[in-house]
Structures are given as structure tokens and as C-alpha cells.
C-alpha atoms as a PDB file:
ATOM      1  CA  UNK A   1       0.146  -0.079   0.012  1.00  0.00           C
ATOM      2  CA  UNK A   2       1.214   3.433  -1.008  1.00  0.00           C
ATOM      3  CA  UNK A   3       2.260   5.457   2.022  1.00  0.00           C
ATOM      4  CA  UNK A   4       0.245   8.818   1.225  1.00  0.00           C
ATOM      5  CA  UNK A   5       2.371  12.236   2.442  1.00  0.00           C
ATOM      6  CA  UNK A   6       1.348  15.918   3.165  1.00  0.00           C
ATOM      7  CA  UNK A   7       1.610  18.299   0.533  1.00  0.00           C
ATOM      8  CA  UNK A   8       4.898  20.673   0.478  1.00  0.00           C
ATOM      9  CA  UNK A   9       4.713  24.137   0.216  1.00  0.00           C
ATOM     10  CA  UNK A  10       8.127  25.461  -1.903  1.00  0.00           C
ATOM     11  CA  UNK A  11       9.923  28.291  -0.865  1.00  0.00           C
ATOM     12  CA  UNK A  12       8.354  31.402  -2.572  1.00  0.00           C
ATOM     13  CA  UNK A  13      11.824  32.584  -3.442  1.00  0.00           C
ATOM     14  CA  UNK A  14      12.055  29.896  -5.781  1.00  0.00           C
ATOM     15  CA  UNK A  15       8.091  30.145  -6.845  1.00  0.00           C
ATOM     16  CA  UNK A  16       8.681  33.588  -7.690  1.00  0.00           C
ATOM     17  CA  UNK A  17      12.441  33.403  -8.736  1.00  0.00           C
ATOM     18  CA  UNK A  18      12.650  35.453 -12.016  1.00  0.00           C
ATOM     19  CA  UNK A  19      15.478  34.177 -13.740  1.00  0.00           C
ATOM     20  CA  UNK A  20      13.830  30.978 -14.556  1.00  0.00           C
ATOM     21  CA  UNK A  21      10.894  31.935 -16.189  1.00  0.00           C
ATOM     22  CA  UNK A  22      11.255  31.705 -19.935  1.00  0.00           C
ATOM     23  CA  UNK A  23       8.150  31.392 -22.982  1.00  0.00           C
ATOM     24  CA  UNK A  24       8.021  27.766 -23.802  1.00  0.00           C
ATOM     25  CA  UNK A  25       8.600  26.605 -27.374  1.00  0.00           C
ATOM     26  CA  UNK A  26       5.006  25.994 -28.962  1.00  0.00           C
ATOM     27  CA  UNK A  27       6.606  23.771 -31.848  1.00  0.00           C
ATOM     28  CA  UNK A  28       7.382  21.234 -29.070  1.00  0.00           C
ATOM     29  CA  UNK A  29       4.509  20.314 -27.574  1.00  0.00           C
ATOM     30  CA  UNK A  30       6.540  17.410 -25.624  1.00  0.00           C
ATOM     31  CA  UNK A  31       8.481  19.711 -23.787  1.00  0.00           C
ATOM     32  CA  UNK A  32       5.890  22.133 -22.708  1.00  0.00           C
ATOM     33  CA  UNK A  33       3.441  19.501 -21.514  1.00  0.00           C
ATOM     34  CA  UNK A  34       6.364  18.204 -19.660  1.00  0.00           C
ATOM     35  CA  UNK A  35       6.812  21.387 -17.948  1.00  0.00           C
ATOM     36  CA  UNK A  36       3.224  21.807 -17.054  1.00  0.00           C
ATOM     37  CA  UNK A  37       2.763  18.815 -15.319  1.00  0.00           C
ATOM     38  CA  UNK A  38       6.257  18.795 -13.246  1.00  0.00           C
ATOM     39  CA  UNK A  39       5.091  22.368 -12.147  1.00  0.00           C
ATOM     40  CA  UNK A  40       1.454  21.137 -11.535  1.00  0.00           C
ATOM     41  CA  UNK A  41       2.729  18.315  -9.357  1.00  0.00           C
ATOM     42  CA  UNK A  42       5.718  20.096  -8.266  1.00  0.00           C
ATOM     43  CA  UNK A  43       3.983  23.530  -6.843  1.00  0.00           C
ATOM     44  CA  UNK A  44       0.951  21.931  -6.439  1.00  0.00           C
ATOM     45  CA  UNK A  45       0.247  23.028  -2.813  1.00  0.00           C
ATOM     46  CA  UNK A  46       1.639  26.992  -3.539  1.00  0.00           C
ATOM     47  CA  UNK A  47      -0.745  26.774  -5.962  1.00  0.00           C
ATOM     48  CA  UNK A  48      -3.535  25.603  -3.641  1.00  0.00           C
ATOM     49  CA  UNK A  49      -2.801  28.132  -1.092  1.00  0.00           C
ATOM     50  CA  UNK A  50      -3.157  31.010  -3.709  1.00  0.00           C
ATOM     51  CA  UNK A  51      -6.406  29.624  -4.934  1.00  0.00           C
ATOM     52  CA  UNK A  52      -7.225  30.032  -1.139  1.00  0.00           C
ATOM     53  CA  UNK A  53      -6.123  33.571  -0.829  1.00  0.00           C
ATOM     54  CA  UNK A  54      -8.391  34.163  -3.914  1.00  0.00           C
ATOM     55  CA  UNK A  55     -11.284  32.849  -2.004  1.00  0.00           C
ATOM     56  CA  UNK A  56     -10.862  34.662   0.751  1.00  0.00           C
ATOM     57  CA  UNK A  57     -12.053  37.413  -1.095  1.00  0.00           C
ATOM     58  CA  UNK A  58     -15.023  36.050  -1.786  1.00  0.00           C
ATOM     59  CA  UNK A  59     -15.745  35.243   1.812  1.00  0.00           C
ATOM     60  CA  UNK A  60     -15.222  39.278   2.999  1.00  0.00           C
ATOM     61  CA  UNK A  61     -17.535  39.937  -0.155  1.00  0.00           C
ATOM     62  CA  UNK A  62     -20.490  37.296   0.442  1.00  0.00           C
ATOM     63  CA  UNK A  63     -20.350  36.007   4.564  1.00  0.00           C
ATOM     64  CA  UNK A  64     -22.178  33.037   3.389  1.00  0.00           C
ATOM     65  CA  UNK A  65     -19.878  31.900   1.154  1.00  0.00           C
ATOM     66  CA  UNK A  66     -17.338  31.249   3.994  1.00  0.00           C
ATOM     67  CA  UNK A  67     -19.824  28.764   5.652  1.00  0.00           C
ATOM     68  CA  UNK A  68     -19.696  26.538   2.704  1.00  0.00           C
ATOM     69  CA  UNK A  69     -15.994  26.626   2.629  1.00  0.00           C
ATOM     70  CA  UNK A  70     -15.599  25.466   5.869  1.00  0.00           C
ATOM     71  CA  UNK A  71     -18.128  22.602   5.008  1.00  0.00           C
ATOM     72  CA  UNK A  72     -15.843  21.563   1.984  1.00  0.00           C
ATOM     73  CA  UNK A  73     -12.721  21.840   3.992  1.00  0.00           C
ATOM     74  CA  UNK A  74     -13.961  19.699   6.548  1.00  0.00           C
ATOM     75  CA  UNK A  75     -15.033  17.431   3.782  1.00  0.00           C
ATOM     76  CA  UNK A  76     -11.672  17.253   2.226  1.00  0.00           C
ATOM     77  CA  UNK A  77      -9.909  16.678   5.865  1.00  0.00           C
ATOM     78  CA  UNK A  78     -12.198  13.665   6.495  1.00  0.00           C
ATOM     79  CA  UNK A  79     -11.443  12.335   3.285  1.00  0.00           C
ATOM     80  CA  UNK A  80      -7.733  12.301   2.528  1.00  0.00           C
ATOM     81  CA  UNK A  81      -6.396  13.044   6.405  1.00  0.00           C
ATOM     82  CA  UNK A  82      -8.887  11.605   8.753  1.00  0.00           C
ATOM     83  CA  UNK A  83     -10.530   8.499   6.951  1.00  0.00           C
ATOM     84  CA  UNK A  84      -8.009   5.378   6.190  1.00  0.00           C
ATOM     85  CA  UNK A  85     -10.146   3.034   4.885  1.00  0.00           C
ATOM     86  CA  UNK A  86     -10.488   2.884   1.588  1.00  0.00           C
ATOM     87  CA  UNK A  87     -14.053   4.255  -0.035  1.00  0.00           C
ATOM     88  CA  UNK A  88     -16.659   1.593  -0.922  1.00  0.00           C
ATOM     89  CA  UNK A  89     -20.061   1.948  -3.136  1.00  0.00           C
ATOM     90  CA  UNK A  90     -21.541  -0.796  -3.873  1.00  0.00           C
ATOM     91  CA  UNK A  91     -19.351  -3.314  -2.965  1.00  0.00           C
ATOM     92  CA  UNK A  92     -16.361  -2.087  -5.092  1.00  0.00           C
ATOM     93  CA  UNK A  93     -13.632  -0.152  -3.863  1.00  0.00           C
ATOM     94  CA  UNK A  94     -13.420   3.630  -5.555  1.00  0.00           C
ATOM     95  CA  UNK A  95      -9.515   4.503  -6.212  1.00  0.00           C
ATOM     96  CA  UNK A  96      -8.273   7.632  -4.737  1.00  0.00           C
ATOM     97  CA  UNK A  97      -8.037   9.224  -7.626  1.00  0.00           C
ATOM     98  CA  UNK A  98     -11.538   8.806  -8.373  1.00  0.00           C
ATOM     99  CA  UNK A  99     -12.670  10.279  -5.382  1.00  0.00           C
ATOM    100  CA  UNK A 100     -11.147  12.997  -5.527  1.00  0.00           C
ATOM    101  CA  UNK A 101     -12.301  13.774  -8.928  1.00  0.00           C
ATOM    102  CA  UNK A 102     -15.695  13.491  -7.578  1.00  0.00           C
ATOM    103  CA  UNK A 103     -14.834  15.727  -4.377  1.00  0.00           C
ATOM    104  CA  UNK A 104     -13.388  18.343  -6.519  1.00  0.00           C
ATOM    105  CA  UNK A 105     -16.224  18.318  -8.733  1.00  0.00           C
ATOM    106  CA  UNK A 106     -18.858  18.629  -6.065  1.00  0.00           C
ATOM    107  CA  UNK A 107     -16.840  21.476  -4.284  1.00  0.00           C
ATOM    108  CA  UNK A 108     -16.161  23.861  -7.185  1.00  0.00           C
ATOM    109  CA  UNK A 109     -20.162  23.498  -7.905  1.00  0.00           C
ATOM    110  CA  UNK A 110     -21.020  24.241  -4.646  1.00  0.00           C
ATOM    111  CA  UNK A 111     -18.637  27.310  -4.512  1.00  0.00           C
ATOM    112  CA  UNK A 112     -20.037  28.637  -7.373  1.00  0.00           C
ATOM    113  CA  UNK A 113     -22.880  28.499  -6.549  1.00  0.00           C
ATOM    114  CA  UNK A 114     -22.523  30.039  -3.044  1.00  0.00           C
ATOM    115  CA  UNK A 115     -20.020  32.807  -4.218  1.00  0.00           C
ATOM    116  CA  UNK A 116     -21.724  33.909  -7.472  1.00  0.00           C
ATOM    117  CA  UNK A 117     -20.104  35.792  -9.686  1.00  0.00           C
ATOM    118  CA  UNK A 118     -17.592  36.633  -7.041  1.00  0.00           C
ATOM    119  CA  UNK A 119     -16.413  33.084  -6.766  1.00  0.00           C
ATOM    120  CA  UNK A 120     -16.279  32.920 -10.955  1.00  0.00           C
ATOM    121  CA  UNK A 121     -14.310  35.670 -10.850  1.00  0.00           C
ATOM    122  CA  UNK A 122     -11.727  34.341  -7.754  1.00  0.00           C
ATOM    123  CA  UNK A 123     -11.773  30.879  -9.965  1.00  0.00           C
ATOM    124  CA  UNK A 124     -10.560  32.176 -12.995  1.00  0.00           C
ATOM    125  CA  UNK A 125      -8.418  34.531 -11.550  1.00  0.00           C
ATOM    126  CA  UNK A 126      -6.491  31.865  -9.711  1.00  0.00           C
ATOM    127  CA  UNK A 127      -6.993  29.232 -12.285  1.00  0.00           C
ATOM    128  CA  UNK A 128      -5.200  32.031 -14.942  1.00  0.00           C
ATOM    129  CA  UNK A 129      -2.253  32.190 -12.304  1.00  0.00           C
ATOM    130  CA  UNK A 130      -2.011  28.306 -12.062  1.00  0.00           C
ATOM    131  CA  UNK A 131      -1.634  28.205 -16.117  1.00  0.00           C
ATOM    132  CA  UNK A 132       0.908  31.095 -16.518  1.00  0.00           C
ATOM    133  CA  UNK A 133       3.263  30.444 -13.926  1.00  0.00           C
ATOM    134  CA  UNK A 134       3.297  26.371 -14.835  1.00  0.00           C
ATOM    135  CA  UNK A 135       3.618  27.137 -18.469  1.00  0.00           C
ATOM    136  CA  UNK A 136       6.465  29.814 -18.042  1.00  0.00           C
ATOM    137  CA  UNK A 137       8.649  28.270 -15.058  1.00  0.00           C
ATOM    138  CA  UNK A 138      11.359  26.142 -16.039  1.00  0.00           C
ATOM    139  CA  UNK A 139      11.971  22.901 -13.929  1.00  0.00           C
ATOM    140  CA  UNK A 140      14.472  22.426 -12.180  1.00  0.00           C
ATOM    141  CA  UNK A 141      16.346  19.067 -11.476  1.00  0.00           C
ATOM    142  CA  UNK A 142      15.420  18.627  -8.159  1.00  0.00           C
ATOM    143  CA  UNK A 143      11.415  19.532  -9.454  1.00  0.00           C
ATOM    144  CA  UNK A 144      12.220  16.761 -12.254  1.00  0.00           C
ATOM    145  CA  UNK A 145      13.192  13.838  -9.737  1.00  0.00           C
ATOM    146  CA  UNK A 146      10.216  14.885  -7.327  1.00  0.00           C
ATOM    147  CA  UNK A 147       7.687  15.342  -9.425  1.00  0.00           C
ATOM    148  CA  UNK A 148       8.880  11.802 -11.385  1.00  0.00           C
ATOM    149  CA  UNK A 149       8.164  10.215  -8.047  1.00  0.00           C
ATOM    150  CA  UNK A 150       5.268  11.645  -7.274  1.00  0.00           C
ATOM    151  CA  UNK A 151       4.179  10.793 -10.502  1.00  0.00           C
ATOM    152  CA  UNK A 152       5.017   6.885 -10.076  1.00  0.00           C
ATOM    153  CA  UNK A 153       3.800   6.794  -6.664  1.00  0.00           C
ATOM    154  CA  UNK A 154       0.592   8.833  -6.352  1.00  0.00           C
ATOM    155  CA  UNK A 155       1.704  10.119  -3.149  1.00  0.00           C
ATOM    156  CA  UNK A 156       0.033  13.228  -3.766  1.00  0.00           C
ATOM    157  CA  UNK A 157      -3.554  14.294  -4.911  1.00  0.00           C
ATOM    158  CA  UNK A 158      -2.365  15.441  -8.412  1.00  0.00           C
ATOM    159  CA  UNK A 159       0.433  13.079  -8.292  1.00  0.00           C
ATOM    160  CA  UNK A 160      -2.296  10.475  -8.254  1.00  0.00           C
ATOM    161  CA  UNK A 161      -4.611  12.004 -10.776  1.00  0.00           C
ATOM    162  CA  UNK A 162      -1.636  11.616 -13.145  1.00  0.00           C
ATOM    163  CA  UNK A 163      -0.067   8.364 -12.261  1.00  0.00           C
ATOM    164  CA  UNK A 164      -4.058   7.170 -13.093  1.00  0.00           C
ATOM    165  CA  UNK A 165      -4.077   8.985 -16.298  1.00  0.00           C
ATOM    166  CA  UNK A 166      -0.466   7.126 -17.237  1.00  0.00           C
ATOM    167  CA  UNK A 167      -1.749   3.726 -16.324  1.00  0.00           C
ATOM    168  CA  UNK A 168      -4.719   4.359 -18.386  1.00  0.00           C
ATOM    169  CA  UNK A 169      -2.617   5.579 -21.168  1.00  0.00           C
ATOM    170  CA  UNK A 170      -0.262   2.679 -20.751  1.00  0.00           C
ATOM    171  CA  UNK A 171      -2.748   0.013 -20.600  1.00  0.00           C
ATOM    172  CA  UNK A 172      -5.856   1.687 -23.043  1.00  0.00           C
ATOM    173  CA  UNK A 173      -9.166   1.556 -22.112  1.00  0.00           C
ATOM    174  CA  UNK A 174     -10.034  -1.847 -23.410  1.00  0.00           C
ATOM    175  CA  UNK A 175      -6.787  -3.584 -23.538  1.00  0.00           C
ATOM    176  CA  UNK A 176      -8.623  -6.790 -21.930  1.00  0.00           C
ATOM    177  CA  UNK A 177      -8.087  -9.673 -23.891  1.00  0.00           C
ATOM    178  CA  UNK A 178     -11.880 -10.705 -22.717  1.00  0.00           C
ATOM    179  CA  UNK A 179     -13.055  -7.616 -23.535  1.00  0.00           C
ATOM    180  CA  UNK A 180     -11.446  -6.359 -26.573  1.00  0.00           C
ATOM    181  CA  UNK A 181     -12.384  -2.991 -28.283  1.00  0.00           C
ATOM    182  CA  UNK A 182     -15.226  -2.980 -31.165  1.00  0.00           C
ATOM    183  CA  UNK A 183     -12.417  -2.432 -33.667  1.00  0.00           C
ATOM    184  CA  UNK A 184     -10.164  -5.019 -32.365  1.00  0.00           C
ATOM    185  CA  UNK A 185     -13.329  -7.420 -32.169  1.00  0.00           C
ATOM    186  CA  UNK A 186     -13.782  -6.263 -36.290  1.00  0.00           C
ATOM    187  CA  UNK A 187     -10.560  -7.345 -37.138  1.00  0.00           C
ATOM    188  CA  UNK A 188     -10.729 -10.551 -35.387  1.00  0.00           C
ATOM    189  CA  UNK A 189     -14.015 -11.956 -36.725  1.00  0.00           C
ATOM    190  CA  UNK A 190     -12.639 -10.165 -40.272  1.00  0.00           C
ATOM    191  CA  UNK A 191      -9.435 -12.442 -40.028  1.00  0.00           C
ATOM    192  CA  UNK A 192     -10.984 -15.854 -38.620  1.00  0.00           C
ATOM    193  CA  UNK A 193     -13.366 -15.333 -41.644  1.00  0.00           C
ATOM    194  CA  UNK A 194     -11.031 -15.143 -43.834  1.00  0.00           C
ATOM    195  CA  UNK A 195      -8.402 -17.997 -42.768  1.00  0.00           C
ATOM    196  CA  UNK A 196     -12.008 -20.450 -42.607  1.00  0.00           C
ATOM    197  CA  UNK A 197     -12.421 -19.138 -46.425  1.00  0.00           C
ATOM    198  CA  UNK A 198      -9.291 -20.060 -47.440  1.00  0.00           C
ATOM    199  CA  UNK A 199      -8.908 -23.385 -45.370  1.00  0.00           C
ATOM    200  CA  UNK A 200     -12.252 -24.648 -47.048  1.00  0.00           C
ATOM    201  CA  UNK A 201     -10.900 -23.538 -50.613  1.00  0.00           C
ATOM    202  CA  UNK A 202      -7.944 -25.719 -49.887  1.00  0.00           C
ATOM    203  CA  UNK A 203      -9.676 -28.488 -48.670  1.00  0.00           C
ATOM    204  CA  UNK A 204     -12.248 -28.537 -51.723  1.00  0.00           C
ATOM    205  CA  UNK A 205      -9.295 -28.027 -53.879  1.00  0.00           C
ATOM    206  CA  UNK A 206      -7.556 -30.822 -52.440  1.00  0.00           C
ATOM    207  CA  UNK A 207     -10.814 -33.071 -52.397  1.00  0.00           C
ATOM    208  CA  UNK A 208     -11.600 -32.229 -56.137  1.00  0.00           C
ATOM    209  CA  UNK A 209      -8.325 -33.135 -57.428  1.00  0.00           C
ATOM    210  CA  UNK A 210      -7.993 -36.739 -55.505  1.00  0.00           C
ATOM    211  CA  UNK A 211     -11.632 -37.644 -56.750  1.00  0.00           C
ATOM    212  CA  UNK A 212     -10.771 -38.765 -60.232  1.00  0.00           C
ATOM    213  CA  UNK A 213      -7.709 -41.192 -58.664  1.00  0.00           C
ATOM    214  CA  UNK A 214     -10.114 -42.565 -55.656  1.00  0.00           C
ATOM    215  CA  UNK A 215     -13.206 -43.650 -58.083  1.00  0.00           C
ATOM    216  CA  UNK A 216     -10.681 -45.304 -60.616  1.00  0.00           C
ATOM    217  CA  UNK A 217     -10.836 -49.024 -60.131  1.00  0.00           C
ATOM    218  CA  UNK A 218      -7.340 -50.371 -59.205  1.00  0.00           C
ATOM    219  CA  UNK A 219      -6.408 -53.015 -61.958  1.00  0.00           C
ATOM    220  CA  UNK A 220      -6.569 -56.746 -61.091  1.00  0.00           C
ATOM    221  CA  UNK A 221      -3.106 -58.841 -60.172  1.00  0.00           C
ATOM    222  CA  UNK A 222      -1.673 -60.951 -62.557  1.00  0.00           C
ATOM    223  CA  UNK A 223      -3.297 -64.431 -62.372  1.00  0.00           C
ATOM    224  CA  UNK A 224      -0.997 -66.914 -60.623  1.00  0.00           C
ATOM    225  CA  UNK A 225      -0.751 -70.647 -60.848  1.00  0.00           C
ATOM    226  CA  UNK A 226      -1.081 -70.502 -56.965  1.00  0.00           C
ATOM    227  CA  UNK A 227      -3.789 -68.025 -57.140  1.00  0.00           C
ATOM    228  CA  UNK A 228      -6.253 -69.685 -59.329  1.00  0.00           C
ATOM    229  CA  UNK A 229      -5.145 -73.319 -58.643  1.00  0.00           C
ATOM    230  CA  UNK A 230      -4.846 -73.642 -62.646  1.00  0.00           C
ATOM    231  CA  UNK A 231      -2.126 -75.387 -64.120  1.00  0.00           C
ATOM    232  CA  UNK A 232      -1.205 -75.863 -67.815  1.00  0.00           C
ATOM    233  CA  UNK A 233       1.767 -78.159 -67.445  1.00  0.00           C
ATOM    234  CA  UNK A 234       0.591 -81.298 -65.924  1.00  0.00           C
ATOM    235  CA  UNK A 235      -3.173 -80.731 -67.140  1.00  0.00           C
ATOM    236  CA  UNK A 236      -3.964 -80.208 -63.704  1.00  0.00           C
ATOM    237  CA  UNK A 237      -7.091 -78.212 -63.037  1.00  0.00           C
ATOM    238  CA  UNK A 238      -7.833 -77.140 -59.787  1.00  0.00           C
ATOM    239  CA  UNK A 239     -11.405 -75.747 -59.340  1.00  0.00           C
END
């Protein structure tokens, strides 16, 4: 069982280090996606704190929103810190990343409904900050190593989510041989049909080619005296 660790807040001097910012190359999608994923995993605690600061403005503008924030925070603490047993629904264990996805979706809807336009503005500002920083911040060697380990072990919420995505991409949604994808089943059926047709044609060809030989009666063996009991030299006949 993978041991979960708490989020690590990176130093703000490192977070805002201006010499480490650069515009990514839009022609190299692989390098850009690696930078984006690495920063999202490595600086996730900093991004979460910035989002909380943006939500603090909404709490001041709409006090009712503070109650919803406290309820959402309490639910998150219970699900990911207090509760140790895995979540089970209908007798099936629910993976941690699915629990996090459902929790995040419900939390966003509740916050938007309770906060109104202020919550939408705070969510938009925080999202822009996260996207801009994760796109412009160059990856350090430490960030690459920590992000890679986190994605392999799934020790944080975002690391667990990326781990699940990596496993999904490598295995495929329908990689089970007992339940292949429809396209795979179609190709298998086509292959079997062609194989049967070829074997049937080969069987009929061999059968028709051997039929005349099978229908022709073999010539009788030459008669001998021992076989017929007939001798001419001694004028003896055996019937």
C-alpha cells in the first residue's frame, strides 16, 4: 500500500524566481506538456494556497460563502486525512483519484453556487495564475525528480491523478483480452472469416483433385497358378 504524504509548500523565493521564467516553445508539444505537468505536481501546494487567498476575497464579500468553504474543507480533511479505510460503493472499492475527482467537482459546484460572480472571478484569476506559472516556470532538476517520483507513487492528490492517467494511457481503456475494443473484435472476426475461407478452398481443391484417382478401380493383379489353382504343364486343373 502506497504511503500518502502531506503537500509540501515550496519556498516563495523559488516560486517567484524571475531568472527561471521563459516562454515555452509552442512547436514542441512534448517539452511543453512535461513542463506543465512537472510544475503542477511540484508546486501544487503553492497553487492551492494562492487559490485559497483568492477565495478569501469572496469570503469577505459574501459571508455566506465562508460557511460553504468550511464545509468543503471539512469534507476534504475527513476524506483525505482522517479517513484511513478506502471508500467503498456498492461492494466495489473506489480508487483514490476517483474520490478526489468527485470531491473536486462537487466542491467547485457548491462554491460557485454560493459565491456567485465573486467566486467565478476568484476561480478564473486563480486558474490563470496557475496556468501562467506552470507554463512559464522552467523545471529544475529537483522538480523533475520529485515530480517523477510523485507520479510513480501517487503520494499526493495531483500526483495520484497523473499516475492514473499514465496507467490509462499505457494499458488502454479496453486492453483486456476478454473484452477487447469493438475495432479489435471486428478485425479478429474478419481474420477468422478469411482464415476459414482459405482453409475451405484448400480442402475443396485437394478433395476434387483426388476424386478421379479415388473413383478409378485399381487393375486386378495378374493371375498365377498358385492363386487360381490352374496349371497347364501337367494338365491339372483345380477348381
